[in-house]
Amino acid sequence: SAGMCAGKPRPQPAAPVSPLAYVVPVWAAGAMASVLLLIAGTLRLARFARRAERVTSGTWWDLSESLRRDAGLDRPVVLLLTTHPSLLVTWGYRRPRLIIPAGARDWSEERIGLVLGHELAHIRRGDWLVQCLAEALRAVYWFNPLIRIVCRRVRQESE
């Protein structure tokens, strides 16, 4: 009976699967999803900017230039009037752009000055770049709740 078993290969036990075989693909999927959301948000802003009307005169322009100089900003700030009813956002670092909502031309000079002062402070501090770096960090460490808390605090502190 020993001779009969000698010719048949014995089944080998399955090699244990490393936890990394599951962890790495799950991490990569989460990181990729986070990066895709960042790209989608940036493309959305770029689309609004392309469709917006560039403001080069009037109250917005005059106050913007005056406040920019007073704030010590050497970089020009591009003012863009969008058709969106409520979109007010500053983005970009080397060539900062301020997208203002459709009805903003009708705002009082006082309100325009307050909004511009606030948005120019974001530009002066480099908030957009800091938030981009924080979001890139969150894309890598998406699974860590502490990173999400830090990113939320970075956004809150910039405001």
N, C-alpha and C. Protein backbone atom coordinates (compact mmCIF):
# COMPACT_ATOMS: atom_id res chain seq x y z
N SER A 1 0.82 -1.17 0.00
CA SER A 1 0.00 0.00 0.00
C SER A 1 0.87 1.24 0.00
N ALA A 2 2.11 1.13 0.51
CA ALA A 2 3.03 2.27 0.50
C ALA A 2 3.41 2.61 -0.92
N GLY A 3 3.49 1.64 -1.80
CA GLY A 3 3.85 1.88 -3.18
C GLY A 3 2.78 2.64 -3.93
N MET A 4 1.52 2.50 -3.58
CA MET A 4 0.44 3.18 -4.26
C MET A 4 0.45 4.68 -3.98
N CYS A 5 0.79 5.03 -2.77
CA CYS A 5 0.77 6.45 -2.40
C CYS A 5 1.99 7.17 -2.91
N ALA A 6 3.05 6.47 -3.18
CA ALA A 6 4.29 7.10 -3.59
C ALA A 6 4.14 7.80 -4.94
N GLY A 7 3.28 7.35 -5.83
CA GLY A 7 3.14 7.92 -7.15
C GLY A 7 2.21 9.12 -7.20
N LYS A 8 1.37 9.31 -6.22
CA LYS A 8 0.42 10.42 -6.23
C LYS A 8 0.98 11.59 -5.42
N PRO A 9 0.95 12.79 -6.02
CA PRO A 9 1.41 13.95 -5.23
C PRO A 9 0.37 14.30 -4.18
N ARG A 10 0.86 14.61 -3.04
CA ARG A 10 -0.03 14.99 -1.95
C ARG A 10 -0.42 16.46 -2.13
N PRO A 11 -1.67 16.79 -1.90
CA PRO A 11 -2.07 18.20 -2.02
C PRO A 11 -1.33 19.06 -0.99
N GLN A 12 -0.83 20.18 -1.48
CA GLN A 12 -0.12 21.11 -0.60
C GLN A 12 -1.13 22.05 0.06
N PRO A 13 -0.91 22.36 1.31
CA PRO A 13 -1.82 23.32 1.95
C PRO A 13 -1.64 24.70 1.29
N ALA A 14 -2.73 25.44 1.20
CA ALA A 14 -2.68 26.77 0.58
C ALA A 14 -1.80 27.69 1.42
N ALA A 15 -0.99 28.48 0.72
CA ALA A 15 -0.12 29.43 1.43
C ALA A 15 -1.01 30.49 2.09
N PRO A 16 -0.68 30.89 3.30
CA PRO A 16 -1.50 31.90 3.98
C PRO A 16 -1.42 33.23 3.20
N VAL A 17 -2.55 33.91 3.11
CA VAL A 17 -2.62 35.18 2.40
C VAL A 17 -2.21 36.28 3.38
N SER A 18 -1.26 37.07 2.94
CA SER A 18 -0.79 38.18 3.77
C SER A 18 -1.88 39.25 3.87
N PRO A 19 -2.02 39.86 5.05
CA PRO A 19 -3.00 40.96 5.18
C PRO A 19 -2.70 42.10 4.20
N LEU A 20 -1.43 42.25 3.81
CA LEU A 20 -1.08 43.30 2.85
C LEU A 20 -1.74 43.08 1.50
N ALA A 21 -2.07 41.84 1.21
CA ALA A 21 -2.74 41.55 -0.06
C ALA A 21 -4.10 42.23 -0.10
N TYR A 22 -4.68 42.53 1.05
CA TYR A 22 -5.98 43.22 1.11
C TYR A 22 -5.80 44.71 1.42
N VAL A 23 -4.88 45.02 2.31
CA VAL A 23 -4.71 46.39 2.79
C VAL A 23 -4.26 47.32 1.67
N VAL A 24 -3.27 46.92 0.91
CA VAL A 24 -2.72 47.79 -0.13
C VAL A 24 -3.77 48.14 -1.19
N PRO A 25 -4.51 47.19 -1.74
CA PRO A 25 -5.53 47.58 -2.72
C PRO A 25 -6.64 48.47 -2.15
N VAL A 26 -7.03 48.22 -0.90
CA VAL A 26 -8.06 49.06 -0.28
C VAL A 26 -7.53 50.47 -0.08
N TRP A 27 -6.27 50.59 0.43
CA TRP A 27 -5.66 51.91 0.59
C TRP A 27 -5.57 52.63 -0.76
N ALA A 28 -5.10 51.92 -1.78
CA ALA A 28 -4.93 52.52 -3.10
C ALA A 28 -6.26 52.99 -3.67
N ALA A 29 -7.31 52.22 -3.47
CA ALA A 29 -8.64 52.62 -3.96
C ALA A 29 -9.11 53.88 -3.24
N GLY A 30 -8.92 53.96 -1.94
CA GLY A 30 -9.31 55.15 -1.19
C GLY A 30 -8.50 56.37 -1.59
N ALA A 31 -7.20 56.19 -1.77
CA ALA A 31 -6.33 57.29 -2.17
C ALA A 31 -6.71 57.77 -3.57
N MET A 32 -6.97 56.84 -4.47
CA MET A 32 -7.35 57.20 -5.84
C MET A 32 -8.68 57.95 -5.85
N ALA A 33 -9.63 57.51 -5.07
CA ALA A 33 -10.92 58.20 -4.99
C ALA A 33 -10.73 59.62 -4.46
N SER A 34 -9.90 59.79 -3.45
CA SER A 34 -9.63 61.12 -2.90
C SER A 34 -8.97 62.03 -3.93
N VAL A 35 -8.00 61.50 -4.64
CA VAL A 35 -7.30 62.29 -5.67
C VAL A 35 -8.28 62.66 -6.79
N LEU A 36 -9.13 61.74 -7.19
CA LEU A 36 -10.10 62.03 -8.24
C LEU A 36 -11.08 63.13 -7.81
N LEU A 37 -11.47 63.14 -6.54
CA LEU A 37 -12.33 64.20 -6.04
C LEU A 37 -11.62 65.56 -6.07
N LEU A 38 -10.34 65.58 -5.72
CA LEU A 38 -9.56 66.82 -5.79
C LEU A 38 -9.47 67.33 -7.23
N ILE A 39 -9.19 66.42 -8.14
CA ILE A 39 -9.09 66.80 -9.55
C ILE A 39 -10.43 67.30 -10.06
N ALA A 40 -11.50 66.62 -9.71
CA ALA A 40 -12.83 67.04 -10.15
C ALA A 40 -13.17 68.44 -9.63
N GLY A 41 -12.84 68.72 -8.38
CA GLY A 41 -13.09 70.04 -7.82
C GLY A 41 -12.29 71.12 -8.53
N THR A 42 -11.04 70.84 -8.82
CA THR A 42 -10.19 71.80 -9.53
C THR A 42 -10.70 72.02 -10.94
N LEU A 43 -11.10 70.97 -11.61
CA LEU A 43 -11.63 71.11 -12.97
C LEU A 43 -12.94 71.91 -12.97
N ARG A 44 -13.74 71.72 -11.93
CA ARG A 44 -14.99 72.49 -11.81
C ARG A 44 -14.69 73.98 -11.67
N LEU A 45 -13.73 74.31 -10.82
CA LEU A 45 -13.34 75.72 -10.67
C LEU A 45 -12.79 76.28 -11.98
N ALA A 46 -11.98 75.49 -12.66
CA ALA A 46 -11.42 75.94 -13.94
C ALA A 46 -12.52 76.18 -14.96
N ARG A 47 -13.54 75.33 -14.96
CA ARG A 47 -14.66 75.51 -15.89
C ARG A 47 -15.42 76.79 -15.58
N PHE A 48 -15.68 77.05 -14.30
CA PHE A 48 -16.33 78.31 -13.92
C PHE A 48 -15.48 79.51 -14.33
N ALA A 49 -14.17 79.40 -14.14
CA ALA A 49 -13.27 80.50 -14.48
C ALA A 49 -13.27 80.75 -15.99
N ARG A 50 -13.26 79.70 -16.79
CA ARG A 50 -13.26 79.86 -18.25
C ARG A 50 -14.54 80.53 -18.75
N ARG A 51 -15.65 80.23 -18.11
CA ARG A 51 -16.94 80.76 -18.54
C ARG A 51 -17.25 82.13 -17.94
N ALA A 52 -16.44 82.57 -17.00
CA ALA A 52 -16.70 83.82 -16.30
C ALA A 52 -16.23 85.02 -17.11
N GLU A 53 -16.80 86.16 -16.77
CA GLU A 53 -16.41 87.43 -17.40
C GLU A 53 -15.32 88.07 -16.55
N ARG A 54 -14.22 88.43 -17.19
CA ARG A 54 -13.12 89.06 -16.46
C ARG A 54 -13.48 90.51 -16.14
N VAL A 55 -13.31 90.90 -14.89
CA VAL A 55 -13.62 92.25 -14.44
C VAL A 55 -12.33 93.06 -14.49
N THR A 56 -12.33 94.14 -15.28
CA THR A 56 -11.12 94.96 -15.44
C THR A 56 -11.39 96.44 -15.18
N SER A 57 -12.59 96.75 -14.72
CA SER A 57 -12.90 98.14 -14.39
C SER A 57 -14.10 98.16 -13.44
N GLY A 58 -14.36 99.33 -12.90
CA GLY A 58 -15.51 99.48 -12.00
C GLY A 58 -15.11 99.35 -10.55
N THR A 59 -16.09 99.32 -9.69
CA THR A 59 -15.87 99.32 -8.24
C THR A 59 -15.06 98.11 -7.79
N TRP A 60 -15.43 96.92 -8.27
CA TRP A 60 -14.69 95.72 -7.89
C TRP A 60 -13.22 95.86 -8.23
N TRP A 61 -12.93 96.27 -9.44
CA TRP A 61 -11.55 96.39 -9.90
C TRP A 61 -10.79 97.45 -9.10
N ASP A 62 -11.37 98.63 -8.96
CA ASP A 62 -10.70 99.72 -8.28
C ASP A 62 -10.38 99.36 -6.82
N LEU A 63 -11.38 98.83 -6.12
CA LEU A 63 -11.15 98.43 -4.73
C LEU A 63 -10.15 97.28 -4.61
N SER A 64 -10.24 96.36 -5.55
CA SER A 64 -9.33 95.22 -5.53
C SER A 64 -7.88 95.68 -5.66
N GLU A 65 -7.63 96.56 -6.61
CA GLU A 65 -6.26 97.05 -6.82
C GLU A 65 -5.77 97.83 -5.61
N SER A 66 -6.61 98.67 -5.05
CA SER A 66 -6.23 99.48 -3.89
C SER A 66 -5.93 98.58 -2.69
N LEU A 67 -6.82 97.65 -2.41
CA LEU A 67 -6.63 96.75 -1.26
C LEU A 67 -5.46 95.81 -1.47
N ARG A 68 -5.26 95.37 -2.70
CA ARG A 68 -4.13 94.49 -3.01
C ARG A 68 -2.81 95.19 -2.71
N ARG A 69 -2.69 96.43 -3.15
CA ARG A 69 -1.47 97.20 -2.87
C ARG A 69 -1.30 97.43 -1.36
N ASP A 70 -2.39 97.79 -0.69
CA ASP A 70 -2.35 98.01 0.76
C ASP A 70 -1.94 96.74 1.51
N ALA A 71 -2.33 95.59 0.99
CA ALA A 71 -2.00 94.31 1.63
C ALA A 71 -0.58 93.85 1.31
N GLY A 72 0.10 94.58 0.42
CA GLY A 72 1.46 94.21 0.05
C GLY A 72 1.54 93.03 -0.90
N LEU A 73 0.47 92.79 -1.64
CA LEU A 73 0.48 91.69 -2.61
C LEU A 73 1.08 92.18 -3.93
N ASP A 74 2.15 91.53 -4.37
CA ASP A 74 2.79 91.88 -5.63
C ASP A 74 2.09 91.22 -6.82
N ARG A 75 1.49 90.08 -6.57
CA ARG A 75 0.84 89.32 -7.65
C ARG A 75 -0.49 89.97 -8.01
N PRO A 76 -0.78 90.06 -9.29
CA PRO A 76 -2.12 90.55 -9.66
C PRO A 76 -3.17 89.51 -9.30
N VAL A 77 -4.36 89.99 -9.00
CA VAL A 77 -5.49 89.11 -8.69
C VAL A 77 -6.50 89.26 -9.82
N VAL A 78 -6.84 88.16 -10.44
CA VAL A 78 -7.80 88.17 -11.53
C VAL A 78 -9.20 88.07 -10.94
N LEU A 79 -10.04 89.04 -11.28
CA LEU A 79 -11.43 89.03 -10.83
C LEU A 79 -12.30 88.46 -11.93
N LEU A 80 -13.12 87.49 -11.58
CA LEU A 80 -13.96 86.81 -12.55
C LEU A 80 -15.40 86.81 -12.05
N LEU A 81 -16.29 87.35 -12.87
CA LEU A 81 -17.71 87.38 -12.54
C LEU A 81 -18.38 86.18 -13.19
N THR A 82 -18.93 85.30 -12.38
CA THR A 82 -19.54 84.09 -12.88
C THR A 82 -21.06 84.25 -12.97
N THR A 83 -21.70 83.34 -13.66
CA THR A 83 -23.16 83.34 -13.73
C THR A 83 -23.76 82.58 -12.55
N HIS A 84 -22.92 81.90 -11.78
CA HIS A 84 -23.40 81.16 -10.62
C HIS A 84 -23.93 82.14 -9.58
N PRO A 85 -25.08 81.86 -8.99
CA PRO A 85 -25.71 82.83 -8.08
C PRO A 85 -25.00 83.02 -6.74
N SER A 86 -24.21 82.03 -6.29
CA SER A 86 -23.63 82.16 -4.95
C SER A 86 -22.16 81.79 -4.85
N LEU A 87 -21.52 81.44 -5.95
CA LEU A 87 -20.12 81.00 -5.90
C LEU A 87 -19.20 82.18 -5.63
N LEU A 88 -18.51 82.13 -4.52
CA LEU A 88 -17.51 83.13 -4.15
C LEU A 88 -16.31 82.35 -3.65
N VAL A 89 -15.24 82.35 -4.43
CA VAL A 89 -14.10 81.52 -4.08
C VAL A 89 -12.82 82.15 -4.62
N THR A 90 -11.77 82.01 -3.83
CA THR A 90 -10.43 82.41 -4.25
C THR A 90 -9.64 81.14 -4.46
N TRP A 91 -8.94 81.08 -5.58
CA TRP A 91 -8.12 79.90 -5.83
C TRP A 91 -6.91 80.27 -6.66
N GLY A 92 -5.92 79.42 -6.61
CA GLY A 92 -4.68 79.67 -7.32
C GLY A 92 -3.66 80.31 -6.41
N TYR A 93 -2.40 80.03 -6.67
CA TYR A 93 -1.34 80.58 -5.84
C TYR A 93 -0.52 81.61 -6.60
N ARG A 94 0.11 81.19 -7.68
CA ARG A 94 0.93 82.15 -8.44
C ARG A 94 0.08 83.16 -9.18
N ARG A 95 -1.04 82.72 -9.70
CA ARG A 95 -1.99 83.61 -10.39
C ARG A 95 -3.34 83.48 -9.71
N PRO A 96 -3.49 84.10 -8.55
CA PRO A 96 -4.75 83.95 -7.81
C PRO A 96 -5.93 84.53 -8.58
N ARG A 97 -7.03 83.84 -8.46
CA ARG A 97 -8.27 84.26 -9.11
C ARG A 97 -9.36 84.32 -8.05
N LEU A 98 -10.16 85.33 -8.17
CA LEU A 98 -11.30 85.49 -7.28
C LEU A 98 -12.55 85.42 -8.13
N ILE A 99 -13.32 84.36 -7.91
CA ILE A 99 -14.57 84.17 -8.65
C ILE A 99 -15.69 84.75 -7.79
N ILE A 100 -16.42 85.69 -8.39
CA ILE A 100 -17.49 86.36 -7.65
C ILE A 100 -18.84 86.01 -8.27
N PRO A 101 -19.89 85.97 -7.45
CA PRO A 101 -21.20 85.52 -7.94
C PRO A 101 -21.87 86.55 -8.85
N ALA A 102 -22.86 86.08 -9.55
CA ALA A 102 -23.56 86.86 -10.57
C ALA A 102 -24.06 88.22 -10.09
N GLY A 103 -24.66 88.29 -8.93
CA GLY A 103 -25.25 89.53 -8.47
C GLY A 103 -24.28 90.48 -7.77
N ALA A 104 -23.00 90.16 -7.76
CA ALA A 104 -22.03 90.93 -6.98
C ALA A 104 -21.80 92.34 -7.51
N ARG A 105 -22.11 92.57 -8.76
CA ARG A 105 -21.93 93.93 -9.31
C ARG A 105 -22.88 94.92 -8.63
N ASP A 106 -23.98 94.42 -8.09
CA ASP A 106 -24.97 95.28 -7.44
C ASP A 106 -24.71 95.48 -5.96
N TRP A 107 -23.66 94.87 -5.42
CA TRP A 107 -23.37 95.01 -4.01
C TRP A 107 -22.90 96.43 -3.69
N SER A 108 -23.09 96.82 -2.45
CA SER A 108 -22.63 98.15 -2.02
C SER A 108 -21.11 98.16 -1.98
N GLU A 109 -20.54 99.35 -2.05
CA GLU A 109 -19.09 99.48 -2.01
C GLU A 109 -18.55 98.95 -0.68
N GLU A 110 -19.30 99.14 0.39
CA GLU A 110 -18.86 98.65 1.70
C GLU A 110 -18.79 97.12 1.70
N ARG A 111 -19.83 96.48 1.16
CA ARG A 111 -19.83 95.01 1.11
C ARG A 111 -18.71 94.50 0.22
N ILE A 112 -18.51 95.13 -0.92
CA ILE A 112 -17.43 94.72 -1.83
C ILE A 112 -16.08 94.83 -1.11
N GLY A 113 -15.87 95.93 -0.38
CA GLY A 113 -14.63 96.12 0.35
C GLY A 113 -14.40 95.05 1.40
N LEU A 114 -15.46 94.68 2.12
CA LEU A 114 -15.35 93.62 3.13
C LEU A 114 -15.00 92.28 2.50
N VAL A 115 -15.70 91.95 1.42
CA VAL A 115 -15.46 90.68 0.73
C VAL A 115 -14.05 90.64 0.16
N LEU A 116 -13.65 91.71 -0.49
CA LEU A 116 -12.30 91.75 -1.07
C LEU A 116 -11.23 91.66 0.02
N GLY A 117 -11.43 92.38 1.12
CA GLY A 117 -10.46 92.30 2.21
C GLY A 117 -10.30 90.89 2.73
N HIS A 118 -11.42 90.20 2.88
CA HIS A 118 -11.40 88.82 3.35
C HIS A 118 -10.69 87.91 2.35
N GLU A 119 -11.05 88.02 1.09
CA GLU A 119 -10.48 87.13 0.07
C GLU A 119 -9.00 87.44 -0.17
N LEU A 120 -8.62 88.70 -0.13
CA LEU A 120 -7.20 89.05 -0.31
C LEU A 120 -6.37 88.55 0.87
N ALA A 121 -6.96 88.49 2.05
CA ALA A 121 -6.24 87.91 3.20
C ALA A 121 -5.94 86.43 2.95
N HIS A 122 -6.89 85.71 2.33
CA HIS A 122 -6.64 84.31 1.95
C HIS A 122 -5.45 84.24 1.01
N ILE A 123 -5.41 85.12 0.05
CA ILE A 123 -4.32 85.11 -0.94
C ILE A 123 -2.99 85.44 -0.26
N ARG A 124 -2.97 86.46 0.56
CA ARG A 124 -1.73 86.88 1.23
C ARG A 124 -1.17 85.74 2.08
N ARG A 125 -2.04 85.02 2.78
CA ARG A 125 -1.59 83.92 3.65
C ARG A 125 -1.26 82.64 2.87
N GLY A 126 -1.67 82.57 1.62
CA GLY A 126 -1.45 81.34 0.85
C GLY A 126 -2.37 80.22 1.28
N ASP A 127 -3.59 80.55 1.69
CA ASP A 127 -4.53 79.55 2.19
C ASP A 127 -4.84 78.47 1.16
N TRP A 128 -4.95 78.86 -0.10
CA TRP A 128 -5.30 77.86 -1.12
C TRP A 128 -4.22 76.78 -1.21
N LEU A 129 -2.96 77.20 -1.21
CA LEU A 129 -1.87 76.24 -1.28
C LEU A 129 -1.84 75.35 -0.04
N VAL A 130 -2.02 75.94 1.12
CA VAL A 130 -2.03 75.17 2.38
C VAL A 130 -3.16 74.15 2.35
N GLN A 131 -4.34 74.57 1.90
CA GLN A 131 -5.46 73.64 1.85
C GLN A 131 -5.23 72.53 0.82
N CYS A 132 -4.60 72.86 -0.29
CA CYS A 132 -4.28 71.82 -1.29
C CYS A 132 -3.32 70.80 -0.70
N LEU A 133 -2.32 71.27 0.02
CA LEU A 133 -1.37 70.34 0.65
C LEU A 133 -2.07 69.49 1.70
N ALA A 134 -2.96 70.09 2.47
CA ALA A 134 -3.71 69.33 3.47
C ALA A 134 -4.58 68.27 2.80
N GLU A 135 -5.21 68.63 1.70
CA GLU A 135 -6.06 67.67 0.99
C GLU A 135 -5.23 66.55 0.36
N ALA A 136 -4.02 66.88 -0.11
CA ALA A 136 -3.13 65.83 -0.64
C ALA A 136 -2.73 64.87 0.47
N LEU A 137 -2.45 65.41 1.65
CA LEU A 137 -2.13 64.58 2.80
C LEU A 137 -3.32 63.70 3.17
N ARG A 138 -4.52 64.28 3.10
CA ARG A 138 -5.71 63.51 3.40
C ARG A 138 -5.93 62.40 2.37
N ALA A 139 -5.56 62.64 1.12
CA ALA A 139 -5.70 61.60 0.10
C ALA A 139 -4.80 60.40 0.43
N VAL A 140 -3.62 60.67 0.94
CA VAL A 140 -2.69 59.59 1.28
C VAL A 140 -3.14 58.87 2.55
N TYR A 141 -3.58 59.64 3.54
CA TYR A 141 -3.97 59.07 4.84
C TYR A 141 -5.48 59.12 5.03
N TRP A 142 -6.24 58.84 3.98
CA TRP A 142 -7.69 58.95 3.99
C TRP A 142 -8.35 58.13 5.08
N PHE A 143 -7.71 57.08 5.50
CA PHE A 143 -8.28 56.15 6.48
C PHE A 143 -8.12 56.65 7.91
N ASN A 144 -7.32 57.69 8.12
CA ASN A 144 -7.01 58.16 9.46
C ASN A 144 -7.95 59.30 9.86
N PRO A 145 -8.78 59.08 10.87
CA PRO A 145 -9.73 60.13 11.27
C PRO A 145 -9.04 61.39 11.79
N LEU A 146 -7.84 61.27 12.32
CA LEU A 146 -7.13 62.45 12.80
C LEU A 146 -6.77 63.40 11.65
N ILE A 147 -6.44 62.84 10.50
CA ILE A 147 -6.12 63.67 9.34
C ILE A 147 -7.36 64.43 8.88
N ARG A 148 -8.51 63.78 8.91
CA ARG A 148 -9.75 64.48 8.54
C ARG A 148 -10.03 65.63 9.49
N ILE A 149 -9.77 65.42 10.77
CA ILE A 149 -9.96 66.48 11.76
C ILE A 149 -9.00 67.63 11.49
N VAL A 150 -7.75 67.31 11.21
CA VAL A 150 -6.75 68.34 10.92
C VAL A 150 -7.15 69.14 9.68
N CYS A 151 -7.60 68.48 8.63
CA CYS A 151 -8.02 69.17 7.41
C CYS A 151 -9.21 70.09 7.68
N ARG A 152 -10.14 69.63 8.47
CA ARG A 152 -11.29 70.46 8.82
C ARG A 152 -10.83 71.70 9.60
N ARG A 153 -9.89 71.52 10.53
CA ARG A 153 -9.36 72.63 11.31
C ARG A 153 -8.59 73.63 10.42
N VAL A 154 -7.86 73.12 9.45
CA VAL A 154 -7.13 74.00 8.53
C VAL A 154 -8.12 74.89 7.78
N ARG A 155 -9.22 74.29 7.31
CA ARG A 155 -10.25 75.09 6.63
C ARG A 155 -10.88 76.12 7.56
N GLN A 156 -11.19 75.69 8.78
CA GLN A 156 -11.80 76.60 9.75
C GLN A 156 -10.86 77.74 10.11
N GLU A 157 -9.60 77.43 10.31
CA GLU A 157 -8.62 78.46 10.68
C GLU A 157 -8.42 79.47 9.57
N SER A 158 -8.53 79.03 8.32
CA SER A 158 -8.32 79.97 7.21
C SER A 158 -9.47 80.97 7.14
N GLU A 159 -10.62 80.59 7.66
CA GLU A 159 -11.76 81.51 7.66
C GLU A 159 -11.72 82.39 8.88
